[in-house]
Amino acid sequence: YDGATAGAVQDPPDGGIDWSAVRGAFMVNGALYLGHADGSFTRRAF
């Protein structure tokens, strides 16, 4: 996405994560932070 036009939808590896149970996410300096439905807050390299 360039702010005006979105490219075709791609299906990247999901890392075995239950994405339906993720409640929020952001990345910083190569680390992916995820908030989960069970209330936990995790990070992992991505």
ModelCIF file with pLDDT and N, C-alpha, C, O atoms, coordinates in Angstrom:
data_MODEL
#
_entry.id   MODEL 
#
_entity.id                         1 
_entity.type                       polymer 
_entity.pdbx_number_of_molecules   1 
#
_entity_poly.entity_id                      1 
_entity_poly.type                           'polypeptide(L)' 
_entity_poly.nstd_linkage                   no 
_entity_poly.nstd_monomer                   no 
_entity_poly.pdbx_seq_one_letter_code       YDGATAGAVQDPPDGGIDWSAVRGAFMVNGALYLGHADGSFTRRAF 
_entity_poly.pdbx_seq_one_letter_code_can   YDGATAGAVQDPPDGGIDWSAVRGAFMVNGALYLGHADGSFTRRAF 
_entity_poly.pdbx_strand_id                 A 
#
loop_
_entity_poly_seq.entity_id 
_entity_poly_seq.num 
_entity_poly_seq.mon_id 
_entity_poly_seq.hetero 
1 1  TYR n 
1 2  ASP n 
1 3  GLY n 
1 4  ALA n 
1 5  THR n 
1 6  ALA n 
1 7  GLY n 
1 8  ALA n 
1 9  VAL n 
1 10 GLN n 
1 11 ASP n 
1 12 PRO n 
1 13 PRO n 
1 14 ASP n 
1 15 GLY n 
1 16 GLY n 
1 17 ILE n 
1 18 ASP n 
1 19 TRP n 
1 20 SER n 
1 21 ALA n 
1 22 VAL n 
1 23 ARG n 
1 24 GLY n 
1 25 ALA n 
1 26 PHE n 
1 27 MET n 
1 28 VAL n 
1 29 ASN n 
1 30 GLY n 
1 31 ALA n 
1 32 LEU n 
1 33 TYR n 
1 34 LEU n 
1 35 GLY n 
1 36 HIS n 
1 37 ALA n 
1 38 ASP n 
1 39 GLY n 
1 40 SER n 
1 41 PHE n 
1 42 THR n 
1 43 ARG n 
1 44 ARG n 
1 45 ALA n 
1 46 PHE n 
#
_struct_asym.id          A 
_struct_asym.entity_id   1 
#
loop_
_ma_qa_metric.id 
_ma_qa_metric.mode 
_ma_qa_metric.name 
_ma_qa_metric.software_group_id 
_ma_qa_metric.type 
1 global pLDDT . pLDDT 
2 local  pLDDT . pLDDT 
#
_ma_qa_metric_global.metric_id      1 
_ma_qa_metric_global.metric_value   94.67 
_ma_qa_metric_global.model_id       1 
_ma_qa_metric_global.ordinal_id     1 
#
loop_
_ma_qa_metric_local.label_asym_id 
_ma_qa_metric_local.label_comp_id 
_ma_qa_metric_local.label_seq_id 
_ma_qa_metric_local.metric_id 
_ma_qa_metric_local.metric_value 
_ma_qa_metric_local.model_id 
_ma_qa_metric_local.ordinal_id 
A TYR 1  2 96.00 1 1  
A ASP 2  2 95.00 1 2  
A GLY 3  2 93.00 1 3  
A ALA 4  2 93.00 1 4  
A THR 5  2 94.00 1 5  
A ALA 6  2 93.00 1 6  
A GLY 7  2 92.00 1 7  
A ALA 8  2 91.00 1 8  
A VAL 9  2 90.00 1 9  
A GLN 10 2 92.00 1 10 
A ASP 11 2 91.00 1 11 
A PRO 12 2 93.00 1 12 
A PRO 13 2 93.00 1 13 
A ASP 14 2 93.00 1 14 
A GLY 15 2 94.00 1 15 
A GLY 16 2 93.00 1 16 
A ILE 17 2 94.00 1 17 
A ASP 18 2 93.00 1 18 
A TRP 19 2 94.00 1 19 
A SER 20 2 92.00 1 20 
A ALA 21 2 93.00 1 21 
A VAL 22 2 95.00 1 22 
A ARG 23 2 95.00 1 23 
A GLY 24 2 96.00 1 24 
A ALA 25 2 97.00 1 25 
A PHE 26 2 97.00 1 26 
A MET 27 2 96.00 1 27 
A VAL 28 2 94.00 1 28 
A ASN 29 2 93.00 1 29 
A GLY 30 2 94.00 1 30 
A ALA 31 2 96.00 1 31 
A LEU 32 2 97.00 1 32 
A TYR 33 2 98.00 1 33 
A LEU 34 2 97.00 1 34 
A GLY 35 2 97.00 1 35 
A HIS 36 2 96.00 1 36 
A ALA 37 2 95.00 1 37 
A ASP 38 2 96.00 1 38 
A GLY 39 2 96.00 1 39 
A SER 40 2 96.00 1 40 
A PHE 41 2 97.00 1 41 
A THR 42 2 97.00 1 42 
A ARG 43 2 97.00 1 43 
A ARG 44 2 97.00 1 44 
A ALA 45 2 97.00 1 45 
A PHE 46 2 97.00 1 46 
#
loop_
_atom_site.group_PDB 
_atom_site.id 
_atom_site.type_symbol 
_atom_site.label_atom_id 
_atom_site.label_alt_id 
_atom_site.label_comp_id 
_atom_site.label_asym_id 
_atom_site.label_entity_id 
_atom_site.label_seq_id 
_atom_site.pdbx_PDB_ins_code 
_atom_site.Cartn_x 
_atom_site.Cartn_y 
_atom_site.Cartn_z 
_atom_site.occupancy 
_atom_site.B_iso_or_equiv 
_atom_site.pdbx_formal_charge 
_atom_site.auth_seq_id 
_atom_site.auth_comp_id 
_atom_site.auth_asym_id 
_atom_site.auth_atom_id 
_atom_site.pdbx_PDB_model_num 
ATOM 1   N N  . TYR A 1 1  ? 0.843  -1.190  0.000  1.00 96.00 ? 1  TYR A N  1 
ATOM 2   C CA . TYR A 1 1  ? 0.000  0.000   0.000  1.00 96.00 ? 1  TYR A CA 1 
ATOM 3   C C  . TYR A 1 1  ? 0.878  1.238   0.000  1.00 96.00 ? 1  TYR A C  1 
ATOM 4   O O  . TYR A 1 1  ? 1.869  1.305   0.726  1.00 96.00 ? 1  TYR A O  1 
ATOM 5   N N  . ASP A 1 2  ? 0.505  2.232   -0.828 1.00 95.00 ? 2  ASP A N  1 
ATOM 6   C CA . ASP A 1 2  ? 1.284  3.467   -0.930 1.00 95.00 ? 2  ASP A CA 1 
ATOM 7   C C  . ASP A 1 2  ? 0.538  4.687   -0.407 1.00 95.00 ? 2  ASP A C  1 
ATOM 8   O O  . ASP A 1 2  ? 0.994  5.818   -0.579 1.00 95.00 ? 2  ASP A O  1 
ATOM 9   N N  . GLY A 1 3  ? -0.605 4.461   0.228  1.00 93.00 ? 3  GLY A N  1 
ATOM 10  C CA . GLY A 1 3  ? -1.413 5.559   0.727  1.00 93.00 ? 3  GLY A CA 1 
ATOM 11  C C  . GLY A 1 3  ? -2.531 5.947   -0.203 1.00 93.00 ? 3  GLY A C  1 
ATOM 12  O O  . GLY A 1 3  ? -3.431 6.691   0.184  1.00 93.00 ? 3  GLY A O  1 
ATOM 13  N N  . ALA A 1 4  ? -2.490 5.445   -1.447 1.00 93.00 ? 4  ALA A N  1 
ATOM 14  C CA . ALA A 1 4  ? -3.538 5.735   -2.422 1.00 93.00 ? 4  ALA A CA 1 
ATOM 15  C C  . ALA A 1 4  ? -4.070 4.459   -3.062 1.00 93.00 ? 4  ALA A C  1 
ATOM 16  O O  . ALA A 1 4  ? -5.276 4.309   -3.255 1.00 93.00 ? 4  ALA A O  1 
ATOM 17  N N  . THR A 1 5  ? -3.172 3.548   -3.387 1.00 94.00 ? 5  THR A N  1 
ATOM 18  C CA . THR A 1 5  ? -3.555 2.324   -4.088 1.00 94.00 ? 5  THR A CA 1 
ATOM 19  C C  . THR A 1 5  ? -2.993 1.114   -3.368 1.00 94.00 ? 5  THR A C  1 
ATOM 20  O O  . THR A 1 5  ? -1.825 1.085   -2.982 1.00 94.00 ? 5  THR A O  1 
ATOM 21  N N  . ALA A 1 6  ? -3.856 0.105   -3.193 1.00 93.00 ? 6  ALA A N  1 
ATOM 22  C CA . ALA A 1 6  ? -3.437 -1.147  -2.563 1.00 93.00 ? 6  ALA A CA 1 
ATOM 23  C C  . ALA A 1 6  ? -3.177 -2.194  -3.631 1.00 93.00 ? 6  ALA A C  1 
ATOM 24  O O  . ALA A 1 6  ? -3.933 -2.318  -4.594 1.00 93.00 ? 6  ALA A O  1 
ATOM 25  N N  . GLY A 1 7  ? -2.090 -2.952  -3.448 1.00 92.00 ? 7  GLY A N  1 
ATOM 26  C CA . GLY A 1 7  ? -1.780 -4.032  -4.369 1.00 92.00 ? 7  GLY A CA 1 
ATOM 27  C C  . GLY A 1 7  ? -2.645 -5.250  -4.112 1.00 92.00 ? 7  GLY A C  1 
ATOM 28  O O  . GLY A 1 7  ? -3.524 -5.243  -3.250 1.00 92.00 ? 7  GLY A O  1 
ATOM 29  N N  . ALA A 1 8  ? -2.381 -6.282  -4.868 1.00 91.00 ? 8  ALA A N  1 
ATOM 30  C CA . ALA A 1 8  ? -3.150 -7.520  -4.738 1.00 91.00 ? 8  ALA A CA 1 
ATOM 31  C C  . ALA A 1 8  ? -2.939 -8.124  -3.351 1.00 91.00 ? 8  ALA A C  1 
ATOM 32  O O  . ALA A 1 8  ? -1.865 -8.003  -2.763 1.00 91.00 ? 8  ALA A O  1 
ATOM 33  N N  . VAL A 1 9  ? -3.984 -8.775  -2.842 1.00 90.00 ? 9  VAL A N  1 
ATOM 34  C CA . VAL A 1 9  ? -3.905 -9.437  -1.542 1.00 90.00 ? 9  VAL A CA 1 
ATOM 35  C C  . VAL A 1 9  ? -2.975 -10.640 -1.646 1.00 90.00 ? 9  VAL A C  1 
ATOM 36  O O  . VAL A 1 9  ? -3.086 -11.444 -2.572 1.00 90.00 ? 9  VAL A O  1 
ATOM 37  N N  . GLN A 1 10 ? -2.060 -10.756 -0.690 1.00 92.00 ? 10 GLN A N  1 
ATOM 38  C CA . GLN A 1 10 ? -1.144 -11.884 -0.627 1.00 92.00 ? 10 GLN A CA 1 
ATOM 39  C C  . GLN A 1 10 ? -1.402 -12.683 0.642  1.00 92.00 ? 10 GLN A C  1 
ATOM 40  O O  . GLN A 1 10 ? -1.981 -12.179 1.604  1.00 92.00 ? 10 GLN A O  1 
ATOM 41  N N  . ASP A 1 11 ? -0.963 -13.939 0.627  1.00 91.00 ? 11 ASP A N  1 
ATOM 42  C CA . ASP A 1 11 ? -1.181 -14.850 1.747  1.00 91.00 ? 11 ASP A CA 1 
ATOM 43  C C  . ASP A 1 11 ? 0.177  -15.249 2.320  1.00 91.00 ? 11 ASP A C  1 
ATOM 44  O O  . ASP A 1 11 ? 0.714  -16.290 1.943  1.00 91.00 ? 11 ASP A O  1 
ATOM 45  N N  . PRO A 1 12 ? 0.748  -14.442 3.224  1.00 93.00 ? 12 PRO A N  1 
ATOM 46  C CA . PRO A 1 12 ? 2.086  -14.722 3.756  1.00 93.00 ? 12 PRO A CA 1 
ATOM 47  C C  . PRO A 1 12 ? 2.036  -15.833 4.805  1.00 93.00 ? 12 PRO A C  1 
ATOM 48  O O  . PRO A 1 12 ? 0.949  -16.193 5.258  1.00 93.00 ? 12 PRO A O  1 
ATOM 49  N N  . PRO A 1 13 ? 3.177  -16.380 5.196  1.00 93.00 ? 13 PRO A N  1 
ATOM 50  C CA . PRO A 1 13 ? 3.197  -17.378 6.280  1.00 93.00 ? 13 PRO A CA 1 
ATOM 51  C C  . PRO A 1 13 ? 2.593  -16.796 7.551  1.00 93.00 ? 13 PRO A C  1 
ATOM 52  O O  . PRO A 1 13 ? 2.816  -15.631 7.881  1.00 93.00 ? 13 PRO A O  1 
ATOM 53  N N  . ASP A 1 14 ? 1.817  -17.630 8.267  1.00 93.00 ? 14 ASP A N  1 
ATOM 54  C CA . ASP A 1 14 ? 1.131  -17.117 9.458  1.00 93.00 ? 14 ASP A CA 1 
ATOM 55  C C  . ASP A 1 14 ? 1.856  -17.441 10.757 1.00 93.00 ? 14 ASP A C  1 
ATOM 56  O O  . ASP A 1 14 ? 1.412  -17.035 11.830 1.00 93.00 ? 14 ASP A O  1 
ATOM 57  N N  . GLY A 1 15 ? 2.968  -18.168 10.671 1.00 94.00 ? 15 GLY A N  1 
ATOM 58  C CA . GLY A 1 15 ? 3.772  -18.445 11.850 1.00 94.00 ? 15 GLY A CA 1 
ATOM 59  C C  . GLY A 1 15 ? 3.106  -19.328 12.877 1.00 94.00 ? 15 GLY A C  1 
ATOM 60  O O  . GLY A 1 15 ? 3.571  -19.419 14.013 1.00 94.00 ? 15 GLY A O  1 
ATOM 61  N N  . GLY A 1 16 ? 2.024  -19.979 12.497 1.00 93.00 ? 16 GLY A N  1 
ATOM 62  C CA . GLY A 1 16 ? 1.307  -20.825 13.442 1.00 93.00 ? 16 GLY A CA 1 
ATOM 63  C C  . GLY A 1 16 ? 0.544  -20.050 14.495 1.00 93.00 ? 16 GLY A C  1 
ATOM 64  O O  . GLY A 1 16 ? 0.112  -20.615 15.501 1.00 93.00 ? 16 GLY A O  1 
ATOM 65  N N  . ILE A 1 17 ? 0.378  -18.758 14.266 1.00 94.00 ? 17 ILE A N  1 
ATOM 66  C CA . ILE A 1 17 ? -0.335 -17.908 15.229 1.00 94.00 ? 17 ILE A CA 1 
ATOM 67  C C  . ILE A 1 17 ? -1.831 -17.967 14.963 1.00 94.00 ? 17 ILE A C  1 
ATOM 68  O O  . ILE A 1 17 ? -2.259 -17.945 13.808 1.00 94.00 ? 17 ILE A O  1 
ATOM 69  N N  . ASP A 1 18 ? -2.621 -18.041 16.010 1.00 93.00 ? 18 ASP A N  1 
ATOM 70  C CA . ASP A 1 18 ? -4.073 -17.953 15.875 1.00 93.00 ? 18 ASP A CA 1 
ATOM 71  C C  . ASP A 1 18 ? -4.437 -16.484 15.718 1.00 93.00 ? 18 ASP A C  1 
ATOM 72  O O  . ASP A 1 18 ? -4.708 -15.799 16.704 1.00 93.00 ? 18 ASP A O  1 
ATOM 73  N N  . TRP A 1 19 ? -4.444 -16.003 14.491 1.00 94.00 ? 19 TRP A N  1 
ATOM 74  C CA . TRP A 1 19 ? -4.651 -14.585 14.235 1.00 94.00 ? 19 TRP A CA 1 
ATOM 75  C C  . TRP A 1 19 ? -6.061 -14.122 14.598 1.00 94.00 ? 19 TRP A C  1 
ATOM 76  O O  . TRP A 1 19 ? -6.282 -12.932 14.823 1.00 94.00 ? 19 TRP A O  1 
ATOM 77  N N  . SER A 1 20 ? -7.008 -15.045 14.656 1.00 92.00 ? 20 SER A N  1 
ATOM 78  C CA . SER A 1 20 ? -8.363 -14.654 15.051 1.00 92.00 ? 20 SER A CA 1 
ATOM 79  C C  . SER A 1 20 ? -8.428 -14.266 16.524 1.00 92.00 ? 20 SER A C  1 
ATOM 80  O O  . SER A 1 20 ? -9.375 -13.608 16.954 1.00 92.00 ? 20 SER A O  1 
ATOM 81  N N  . ALA A 1 21 ? -7.418 -14.676 17.298 1.00 93.00 ? 21 ALA A N  1 
ATOM 82  C CA . ALA A 1 21 ? -7.379 -14.351 18.724 1.00 93.00 ? 21 ALA A CA 1 
ATOM 83  C C  . ALA A 1 21 ? -6.447 -13.186 19.023 1.00 93.00 ? 21 ALA A C  1 
ATOM 84  O O  . ALA A 1 21 ? -6.207 -12.877 20.190 1.00 93.00 ? 21 ALA A O  1 
ATOM 85  N N  . VAL A 1 22 ? -5.915 -12.528 17.983 1.00 95.00 ? 22 VAL A N  1 
ATOM 86  C CA . VAL A 1 22 ? -5.059 -11.353 18.186 1.00 95.00 ? 22 VAL A CA 1 
ATOM 87  C C  . VAL A 1 22 ? -5.944 -10.113 18.258 1.00 95.00 ? 22 VAL A C  1 
ATOM 88  O O  . VAL A 1 22 ? -6.859 -9.942  17.452 1.00 95.00 ? 22 VAL A O  1 
ATOM 89  N N  . ARG A 1 23 ? -5.663 -9.259  19.224 1.00 95.00 ? 23 ARG A N  1 
ATOM 90  C CA . ARG A 1 23 ? -6.516 -8.096  19.456 1.00 95.00 ? 23 ARG A CA 1 
ATOM 91  C C  . ARG A 1 23 ? -5.841 -6.768  19.089 1.00 95.00 ? 23 ARG A C  1 
ATOM 92  O O  . ARG A 1 23 ? -6.487 -5.720  19.108 1.00 95.00 ? 23 ARG A O  1 
ATOM 93  N N  . GLY A 1 24 ? -4.572 -6.807  18.761 1.00 96.00 ? 24 GLY A N  1 
ATOM 94  C CA . GLY A 1 24 ? -3.861 -5.599  18.363 1.00 96.00 ? 24 GLY A CA 1 
ATOM 95  C C  . GLY A 1 24 ? -2.433 -5.964  18.037 1.00 96.00 ? 24 GLY A C  1 
ATOM 96  O O  . GLY A 1 24 ? -1.913 -6.963  18.533 1.00 96.00 ? 24 GLY A O  1 
ATOM 97  N N  . ALA A 1 25 ? -1.779 -5.142  17.186 1.00 97.00 ? 25 ALA A N  1 
ATOM 98  C CA . ALA A 1 25 ? -0.424 -5.467  16.764 1.00 97.00 ? 25 ALA A CA 1 
ATOM 99  C C  . ALA A 1 25 ? 0.302  -4.208  16.303 1.00 97.00 ? 25 ALA A C  1 
ATOM 100 O O  . ALA A 1 25 ? -0.315 -3.260  15.816 1.00 97.00 ? 25 ALA A O  1 
ATOM 101 N N  . PHE A 1 26 ? 1.618  -4.217  16.466 1.00 97.00 ? 26 PHE A N  1 
ATOM 102 C CA . PHE A 1 26 ? 2.481  -3.211  15.854 1.00 97.00 ? 26 PHE A CA 1 
ATOM 103 C C  . PHE A 1 26 ? 3.878  -3.800  15.747 1.00 97.00 ? 26 PHE A C  1 
ATOM 104 O O  . PHE A 1 26 ? 4.212  -4.771  16.426 1.00 97.00 ? 26 PHE A O  1 
ATOM 105 N N  . MET A 1 27 ? 4.690  -3.195  14.882 1.00 96.00 ? 27 MET A N  1 
ATOM 106 C CA . MET A 1 27 ? 6.088  -3.592  14.750 1.00 96.00 ? 27 MET A CA 1 
ATOM 107 C C  . MET A 1 27 ? 6.994  -2.425  15.097 1.00 96.00 ? 27 MET A C  1 
ATOM 108 O O  . MET A 1 27 ? 6.655  -1.265  14.862 1.00 96.00 ? 27 MET A O  1 
ATOM 109 N N  . VAL A 1 28 ? 8.159  -2.750  15.662 1.00 94.00 ? 28 VAL A N  1 
ATOM 110 C CA . VAL A 1 28 ? 9.193  -1.760  15.898 1.00 94.00 ? 28 VAL A CA 1 
ATOM 111 C C  . VAL A 1 28 ? 10.543 -2.452  15.791 1.00 94.00 ? 28 VAL A C  1 
ATOM 112 O O  . VAL A 1 28 ? 10.819 -3.416  16.506 1.00 94.00 ? 28 VAL A O  1 
ATOM 113 N N  . ASN A 1 29 ? 11.390 -1.946  14.881 1.00 93.00 ? 29 ASN A N  1 
ATOM 114 C CA . ASN A 1 29 ? 12.754 -2.447  14.725 1.00 93.00 ? 29 ASN A CA 1 
ATOM 115 C C  . ASN A 1 29 ? 12.828 -3.968  14.610 1.00 93.00 ? 29 ASN A C  1 
ATOM 116 O O  . ASN A 1 29 ? 13.633 -4.615  15.279 1.00 93.00 ? 29 ASN A O  1 
ATOM 117 N N  . GLY A 1 30 ? 11.979 -4.525  13.755 1.00 94.00 ? 30 GLY A N  1 
ATOM 118 C CA . GLY A 1 30 ? 12.032 -5.951  13.477 1.00 94.00 ? 30 GLY A CA 1 
ATOM 119 C C  . GLY A 1 30 ? 11.332 -6.833  14.485 1.00 94.00 ? 30 GLY A C  1 
ATOM 120 O O  . GLY A 1 30 ? 11.345 -8.056  14.339 1.00 94.00 ? 30 GLY A O  1 
ATOM 121 N N  . ALA A 1 31 ? 10.720 -6.255  15.503 1.00 96.00 ? 31 ALA A N  1 
ATOM 122 C CA . ALA A 1 31 ? 9.990  -7.029  16.505 1.00 96.00 ? 31 ALA A CA 1 
ATOM 123 C C  . ALA A 1 31 ? 8.496  -6.804  16.330 1.00 96.00 ? 31 ALA A C  1 
ATOM 124 O O  . ALA A 1 31 ? 8.038  -5.673  16.170 1.00 96.00 ? 31 ALA A O  1 
ATOM 125 N N  . LEU A 1 32 ? 7.748  -7.896  16.362 1.00 97.00 ? 32 LEU A N  1 
ATOM 126 C CA . LEU A 1 32 ? 6.289  -7.867  16.228 1.00 97.00 ? 32 LEU A CA 1 
ATOM 127 C C  . LEU A 1 32 ? 5.664  -8.039  17.607 1.00 97.00 ? 32 LEU A C  1 
ATOM 128 O O  . LEU A 1 32 ? 5.883  -9.044  18.284 1.00 97.00 ? 32 LEU A O  1 
ATOM 129 N N  . TYR A 1 33 ? 4.887  -7.045  18.006 1.00 98.00 ? 33 TYR A N  1 
ATOM 130 C CA . TYR A 1 33 ? 4.192  -7.067  19.293 1.00 98.00 ? 33 TYR A CA 1 
ATOM 131 C C  . TYR A 1 33 ? 2.723  -7.396  19.044 1.00 98.00 ? 33 TYR A C  1 
ATOM 132 O O  . TYR A 1 33 ? 2.082  -6.812  18.170 1.00 98.00 ? 33 TYR A O  1 
ATOM 133 N N  . LEU A 1 34 ? 2.203  -8.335  19.821 1.00 97.00 ? 34 LEU A N  1 
ATOM 134 C CA . LEU A 1 34 ? 0.819  -8.780  19.657 1.00 97.00 ? 34 LEU A CA 1 
ATOM 135 C C  . LEU A 1 34 ? 0.097  -8.773  20.996 1.00 97.00 ? 34 LEU A C  1 
ATOM 136 O O  . LEU A 1 34 ? 0.632  -9.234  22.004 1.00 97.00 ? 34 LEU A O  1 
ATOM 137 N N  . GLY A 1 35 ? -1.118 -8.247  20.998 1.00 97.00 ? 35 GLY A N  1 
ATOM 138 C CA . GLY A 1 35 ? -2.015 -8.391  22.128 1.00 97.00 ? 35 GLY A CA 1 
ATOM 139 C C  . GLY A 1 35 ? -2.993 -9.501  21.833 1.00 97.00 ? 35 GLY A C  1 
ATOM 140 O O  . GLY A 1 35 ? -3.520 -9.566  20.723 1.00 97.00 ? 35 GLY A O  1 
ATOM 141 N N  . HIS A 1 36 ? -3.256 -10.383 22.790 1.00 96.00 ? 36 HIS A N  1 
ATOM 142 C CA . HIS A 1 36 ? -4.045 -11.588 22.552 1.00 96.00 ? 36 HIS A CA 1 
ATOM 143 C C  . HIS A 1 36 ? -5.341 -11.570 23.349 1.00 96.00 ? 36 HIS A C  1 
ATOM 144 O O  . HIS A 1 36 ? -5.476 -10.851 24.339 1.00 96.00 ? 36 HIS A O  1 
ATOM 145 N N  . ALA A 1 37 ? -6.290 -12.382 22.889 1.00 95.00 ? 37 ALA A N  1 
ATOM 146 C CA . ALA A 1 37 ? -7.610 -12.436 23.511 1.00 95.00 ? 37 ALA A CA 1 
ATOM 147 C C  . ALA A 1 37 ? -7.559 -12.898 24.957 1.00 95.00 ? 37 ALA A C  1 
ATOM 148 O O  . ALA A 1 37 ? -8.476 -12.613 25.727 1.00 95.00 ? 37 ALA A O  1 
ATOM 149 N N  . ASP A 1 38 ? -6.505 -13.603 25.339 1.00 96.00 ? 38 ASP A N  1 
ATOM 150 C CA . ASP A 1 38 ? -6.372 -14.025 26.737 1.00 96.00 ? 38 ASP A CA 1 
ATOM 151 C C  . ASP A 1 38 ? -5.756 -12.947 27.612 1.00 96.00 ? 38 ASP A C  1 
ATOM 152 O O  . ASP A 1 38 ? -5.530 -13.172 28.801 1.00 96.00 ? 38 ASP A O  1 
ATOM 153 N N  . GLY A 1 39 ? -5.476 -11.758 27.032 1.00 96.00 ? 39 GLY A N  1 
ATOM 154 C CA . GLY A 1 39 ? -4.921 -10.646 27.782 1.00 96.00 ? 39 GLY A CA 1 
ATOM 155 C C  . GLY A 1 39 ? -3.415 -10.573 27.780 1.00 96.00 ? 39 GLY A C  1 
ATOM 156 O O  . GLY A 1 39 ? -2.852 -9.628  28.333 1.00 96.00 ? 39 GLY A O  1 
ATOM 157 N N  . SER A 1 40 ? -2.740 -11.532 27.179 1.00 96.00 ? 40 SER A N  1 
ATOM 158 C CA . SER A 1 40 ? -1.281 -11.508 27.157 1.00 96.00 ? 40 SER A CA 1 
ATOM 159 C C  . SER A 1 40 ? -0.771 -10.553 26.089 1.00 96.00 ? 40 SER A C  1 
ATOM 160 O O  . SER A 1 40 ? -1.474 -10.217 25.136 1.00 96.00 ? 40 SER A O  1 
ATOM 161 N N  . PHE A 1 41 ? 0.462  -10.131 26.276 1.00 97.00 ? 41 PHE A N  1 
ATOM 162 C CA . PHE A 1 41 ? 1.130  -9.193  25.381 1.00 97.00 ? 41 PHE A CA 1 
ATOM 163 C C  . PHE A 1 41 ? 2.492  -9.795  25.075 1.00 97.00 ? 41 PHE A C  1 
ATOM 164 O O  . PHE A 1 41 ? 3.304  -9.981  25.981 1.00 97.00 ? 41 PHE A O  1 
ATOM 165 N N  . THR A 1 42 ? 2.751  -10.102 23.803 1.00 97.00 ? 42 THR A N  1 
ATOM 166 C CA . THR A 1 42 ? 3.970  -10.821 23.433 1.00 97.00 ? 42 THR A CA 1 
ATOM 167 C C  . THR A 1 42 ? 4.744  -10.082 22.352 1.00 97.00 ? 42 THR A C  1 
ATOM 168 O O  . THR A 1 42 ? 4.224  -9.185  21.688 1.00 97.00 ? 42 THR A O  1 
ATOM 169 N N  . ARG A 1 43 ? 6.009  -10.487 22.193 1.00 97.00 ? 43 ARG A N  1 
ATOM 170 C CA . ARG A 1 43 ? 6.807  -9.989  21.082 1.00 97.00 ? 43 ARG A CA 1 
ATOM 171 C C  . ARG A 1 43 ? 7.613  -11.149 20.507 1.00 97.00 ? 43 ARG A C  1 
ATOM 172 O O  . ARG A 1 43 ? 7.932  -12.117 21.198 1.00 97.00 ? 43 ARG A O  1 
ATOM 173 N N  . ARG A 1 44 ? 7.930  -11.021 19.233 1.00 97.00 ? 44 ARG A N  1 
ATOM 174 C CA . ARG A 1 44 ? 8.759  -12.004 18.544 1.00 97.00 ? 44 ARG A CA 1 
ATOM 175 C C  . ARG A 1 44 ? 9.399  -11.326 17.354 1.00 97.00 ? 44 ARG A C  1 
ATOM 176 O O  . ARG A 1 44 ? 8.867  -10.350 16.826 1.00 97.00 ? 44 ARG A O  1 
ATOM 177 N N  . ALA A 1 45 ? 10.532 -11.835 16.934 1.00 97.00 ? 45 ALA A N  1 
ATOM 178 C CA . ALA A 1 45 ? 11.166 -11.330 15.721 1.00 97.00 ? 45 ALA A CA 1 
ATOM 179 C C  . ALA A 1 45 ? 10.317 -11.706 14.518 1.00 97.00 ? 45 ALA A C  1 
ATOM 180 O O  . ALA A 1 45 ? 9.704  -12.773 14.488 1.00 97.00 ? 45 ALA A O  1 
ATOM 181 N N  . PHE A 1 46 ? 10.286 -10.809 13.511 1.00 97.00 ? 46 PHE A N  1 
ATOM 182 C CA . PHE A 1 46 ? 9.505  -11.079 12.294 1.00 97.00 ? 46 PHE A CA 1 
ATOM 183 C C  . PHE A 1 46 ? 10.215 -10.423 11.122 1.00 97.00 ? 46 PHE A C  1 
ATOM 184 O O  . PHE A 1 46 ? 9.746  -10.513 9.987  1.00 97.00 ? 46 PHE A O  1 
#
